[in-house]
């Protein structure tokens, strides 16, 4: 599946998770290109789950939150 196959709703959920996880610090607001680039940095299994269940899946969103905290916030 191609990254372009995600719809606006999927990307809105992705955006929301990143904004929520950074809300108390930097309030990261990504544009579409930045979100797509970040998505491609995710582990392959997370990408596959997004294609299978959608980015609005609660478990997937929780996983994105944890991954972002561990790899982007705590890894600076």
N, C-alpha and C. Protein backbone atom coordinates (compact mmCIF):
# COMPACT_ATOMS: atom_id res chain seq x y z
N UNK A 1 0.84 -1.19 0.00
CA UNK A 1 0.00 0.00 0.00
C UNK A 1 0.89 1.25 0.00
N UNK A 2 0.44 2.25 -0.67
CA UNK A 2 1.18 3.49 -0.81
C UNK A 2 0.80 4.47 0.30
N UNK A 3 1.76 5.24 0.75
CA UNK A 3 1.52 6.23 1.80
C UNK A 3 0.44 7.22 1.37
N UNK A 4 0.30 7.44 0.09
CA UNK A 4 -0.69 8.38 -0.43
C UNK A 4 -2.11 7.83 -0.31
N UNK A 5 -2.26 6.55 0.02
CA UNK A 5 -3.59 5.95 0.14
C UNK A 5 -4.28 6.31 1.45
N UNK A 6 -3.56 6.91 2.39
CA UNK A 6 -4.20 7.37 3.61
C UNK A 6 -5.03 8.61 3.27
N UNK A 7 -6.19 8.74 3.91
CA UNK A 7 -7.03 9.89 3.63
C UNK A 7 -6.79 11.00 4.67
N UNK A 8 -7.50 12.09 4.50
CA UNK A 8 -7.34 13.23 5.39
C UNK A 8 -7.64 12.85 6.84
N UNK A 9 -8.62 12.02 7.05
CA UNK A 9 -8.96 11.57 8.40
C UNK A 9 -7.78 10.87 9.07
N UNK A 10 -7.11 9.99 8.33
CA UNK A 10 -5.93 9.30 8.88
C UNK A 10 -4.87 10.31 9.29
N UNK A 11 -4.56 11.24 8.38
CA UNK A 11 -3.51 12.22 8.67
C UNK A 11 -3.92 13.16 9.79
N UNK A 12 -5.21 13.45 9.92
CA UNK A 12 -5.67 14.28 11.04
C UNK A 12 -5.39 13.58 12.37
N UNK A 13 -5.59 12.27 12.42
CA UNK A 13 -5.30 11.51 13.64
C UNK A 13 -3.80 11.51 13.93
N UNK A 14 -3.00 11.32 12.91
CA UNK A 14 -1.54 11.35 13.06
C UNK A 14 -1.11 12.70 13.64
N UNK A 15 -1.58 13.77 13.01
CA UNK A 15 -1.27 15.13 13.44
C UNK A 15 -1.67 15.34 14.90
N UNK A 16 -2.86 14.89 15.24
CA UNK A 16 -3.39 15.05 16.59
C UNK A 16 -2.51 14.38 17.64
N UNK A 17 -2.04 13.18 17.35
CA UNK A 17 -1.18 12.48 18.31
C UNK A 17 0.11 13.26 18.54
N UNK A 18 0.74 13.71 17.46
CA UNK A 18 2.01 14.44 17.62
C UNK A 18 1.78 15.75 18.37
N UNK A 19 0.72 16.46 18.06
CA UNK A 19 0.42 17.70 18.77
C UNK A 19 0.15 17.41 20.25
N UNK A 20 -0.62 16.36 20.54
CA UNK A 20 -0.92 16.01 21.93
C UNK A 20 0.33 15.64 22.72
N UNK A 21 1.19 14.84 22.13
CA UNK A 21 2.37 14.37 22.86
C UNK A 21 3.37 15.52 23.11
N UNK A 22 3.32 16.55 22.29
CA UNK A 22 4.24 17.67 22.46
C UNK A 22 3.56 18.92 23.04
N UNK A 23 2.32 18.79 23.42
CA UNK A 23 1.53 19.96 23.83
C UNK A 23 2.16 20.74 24.98
N UNK A 24 2.69 20.05 25.97
CA UNK A 24 3.25 20.73 27.14
C UNK A 24 4.64 21.30 26.91
N UNK A 25 5.23 20.98 25.78
CA UNK A 25 6.60 21.45 25.52
C UNK A 25 6.66 22.34 24.28
N UNK A 26 6.74 21.72 23.13
CA UNK A 26 7.01 22.48 21.91
C UNK A 26 5.82 22.64 20.98
N UNK A 27 4.72 21.95 21.24
CA UNK A 27 3.54 22.01 20.36
C UNK A 27 3.91 21.83 18.89
N UNK A 28 4.49 20.69 18.57
CA UNK A 28 4.93 20.40 17.21
C UNK A 28 3.73 20.34 16.28
N UNK A 29 3.74 21.17 15.26
CA UNK A 29 2.67 21.22 14.26
C UNK A 29 3.29 20.89 12.92
N UNK A 30 3.03 19.68 12.44
CA UNK A 30 3.64 19.20 11.22
C UNK A 30 2.78 19.50 10.00
N UNK A 31 3.44 19.79 8.87
CA UNK A 31 2.69 19.89 7.62
C UNK A 31 2.62 18.49 6.99
N UNK A 32 1.94 18.37 5.89
CA UNK A 32 1.72 17.06 5.27
C UNK A 32 3.04 16.36 4.92
N UNK A 33 3.96 17.08 4.31
CA UNK A 33 5.25 16.48 3.94
C UNK A 33 6.01 15.99 5.17
N UNK A 34 5.98 16.76 6.25
CA UNK A 34 6.66 16.37 7.47
C UNK A 34 6.03 15.14 8.09
N UNK A 35 4.69 15.06 8.04
CA UNK A 35 4.02 13.88 8.59
C UNK A 35 4.38 12.64 7.77
N UNK A 36 4.39 12.75 6.46
CA UNK A 36 4.73 11.61 5.61
C UNK A 36 6.16 11.16 5.86
N UNK A 37 7.06 12.10 6.00
CA UNK A 37 8.47 11.78 6.27
C UNK A 37 8.60 11.07 7.63
N UNK A 38 7.89 11.58 8.63
CA UNK A 38 7.92 10.96 9.96
C UNK A 38 7.31 9.56 9.92
N UNK A 39 6.23 9.40 9.18
CA UNK A 39 5.60 8.08 9.06
C UNK A 39 6.60 7.06 8.52
N UNK A 40 7.41 7.47 7.56
CA UNK A 40 8.39 6.55 6.96
C UNK A 40 9.54 6.22 7.91
N UNK A 41 9.68 6.98 8.99
CA UNK A 41 10.68 6.68 10.02
C UNK A 41 10.18 5.62 11.01
N UNK A 42 8.87 5.42 11.05
CA UNK A 42 8.30 4.45 11.99
C UNK A 42 8.79 3.04 11.67
N UNK A 43 8.87 2.20 12.68
CA UNK A 43 9.22 0.80 12.43
C UNK A 43 8.22 0.18 11.45
N UNK A 44 8.70 -0.76 10.68
CA UNK A 44 7.88 -1.39 9.65
C UNK A 44 6.58 -1.96 10.19
N UNK A 45 6.64 -2.57 11.38
CA UNK A 45 5.42 -3.16 11.93
C UNK A 45 4.37 -2.10 12.26
N UNK A 46 4.82 -0.92 12.68
CA UNK A 46 3.86 0.17 12.95
C UNK A 46 3.24 0.67 11.64
N UNK A 47 4.04 0.76 10.60
CA UNK A 47 3.52 1.17 9.31
C UNK A 47 2.48 0.16 8.82
N UNK A 48 2.80 -1.12 8.95
CA UNK A 48 1.86 -2.16 8.51
C UNK A 48 0.55 -2.11 9.29
N UNK A 49 0.63 -1.86 10.60
CA UNK A 49 -0.58 -1.76 11.41
C UNK A 49 -1.41 -0.55 10.99
N UNK A 50 -0.76 0.54 10.62
CA UNK A 50 -1.50 1.73 10.16
C UNK A 50 -2.27 1.40 8.89
N UNK A 51 -1.65 0.66 7.98
CA UNK A 51 -2.34 0.27 6.74
C UNK A 51 -3.49 -0.69 7.04
N UNK A 52 -3.26 -1.58 7.99
CA UNK A 52 -4.26 -2.60 8.30
C UNK A 52 -5.45 -2.06 9.09
N UNK A 53 -5.16 -1.27 10.13
CA UNK A 53 -6.20 -0.82 11.05
C UNK A 53 -6.58 0.65 10.90
N UNK A 54 -5.72 1.42 10.25
CA UNK A 54 -5.94 2.85 10.12
C UNK A 54 -5.26 3.63 11.23
N UNK A 55 -4.99 4.88 10.97
CA UNK A 55 -4.32 5.72 11.96
C UNK A 55 -5.26 6.20 13.05
N UNK A 56 -6.54 5.92 12.92
CA UNK A 56 -7.49 6.30 13.96
C UNK A 56 -7.66 5.20 15.00
N UNK A 57 -7.01 4.06 14.81
CA UNK A 57 -7.08 2.95 15.75
C UNK A 57 -6.42 3.36 17.07
N UNK A 58 -7.13 3.18 18.16
CA UNK A 58 -6.64 3.61 19.47
C UNK A 58 -5.30 2.98 19.82
N UNK A 59 -5.15 1.70 19.61
CA UNK A 59 -3.88 1.03 19.93
C UNK A 59 -2.74 1.59 19.07
N UNK A 60 -3.04 1.85 17.79
CA UNK A 60 -2.00 2.40 16.92
C UNK A 60 -1.61 3.80 17.36
N UNK A 61 -2.58 4.60 17.71
CA UNK A 61 -2.31 5.97 18.17
C UNK A 61 -1.48 5.95 19.45
N UNK A 62 -1.81 5.04 20.37
CA UNK A 62 -1.02 4.90 21.60
C UNK A 62 0.42 4.52 21.28
N UNK A 63 0.59 3.62 20.32
CA UNK A 63 1.93 3.20 19.90
C UNK A 63 2.71 4.34 19.28
N UNK A 64 2.04 5.17 18.48
CA UNK A 64 2.69 6.33 17.88
C UNK A 64 3.14 7.29 18.97
N UNK A 65 2.29 7.51 19.94
CA UNK A 65 2.63 8.41 21.06
C UNK A 65 3.90 7.91 21.75
N UNK A 66 3.91 6.63 22.11
CA UNK A 66 5.06 6.05 22.80
C UNK A 66 6.31 6.12 21.94
N UNK A 67 6.18 5.77 20.65
CA UNK A 67 7.34 5.80 19.76
C UNK A 67 7.89 7.22 19.65
N UNK A 68 7.01 8.20 19.51
CA UNK A 68 7.46 9.58 19.36
C UNK A 68 8.18 10.05 20.63
N UNK A 69 7.61 9.73 21.77
CA UNK A 69 8.26 10.10 23.05
C UNK A 69 9.65 9.50 23.14
N UNK A 70 9.76 8.21 22.85
CA UNK A 70 11.03 7.51 23.00
C UNK A 70 12.06 7.92 21.95
N UNK A 71 11.62 8.17 20.73
CA UNK A 71 12.56 8.38 19.64
C UNK A 71 12.78 9.83 19.22
N UNK A 72 11.85 10.70 19.57
CA UNK A 72 11.98 12.09 19.15
C UNK A 72 12.13 13.04 20.33
N UNK A 73 11.39 12.81 21.39
CA UNK A 73 11.48 13.72 22.54
C UNK A 73 12.63 13.33 23.46
N UNK A 74 12.69 12.08 23.84
CA UNK A 74 13.71 11.62 24.78
C UNK A 74 15.03 11.30 24.12
N UNK A 75 15.12 11.47 22.83
CA UNK A 75 16.34 11.10 22.10
C UNK A 75 17.04 12.34 21.54
N UNK A 76 16.79 13.48 22.15
CA UNK A 76 17.41 14.72 21.66
C UNK A 76 18.74 14.94 22.28
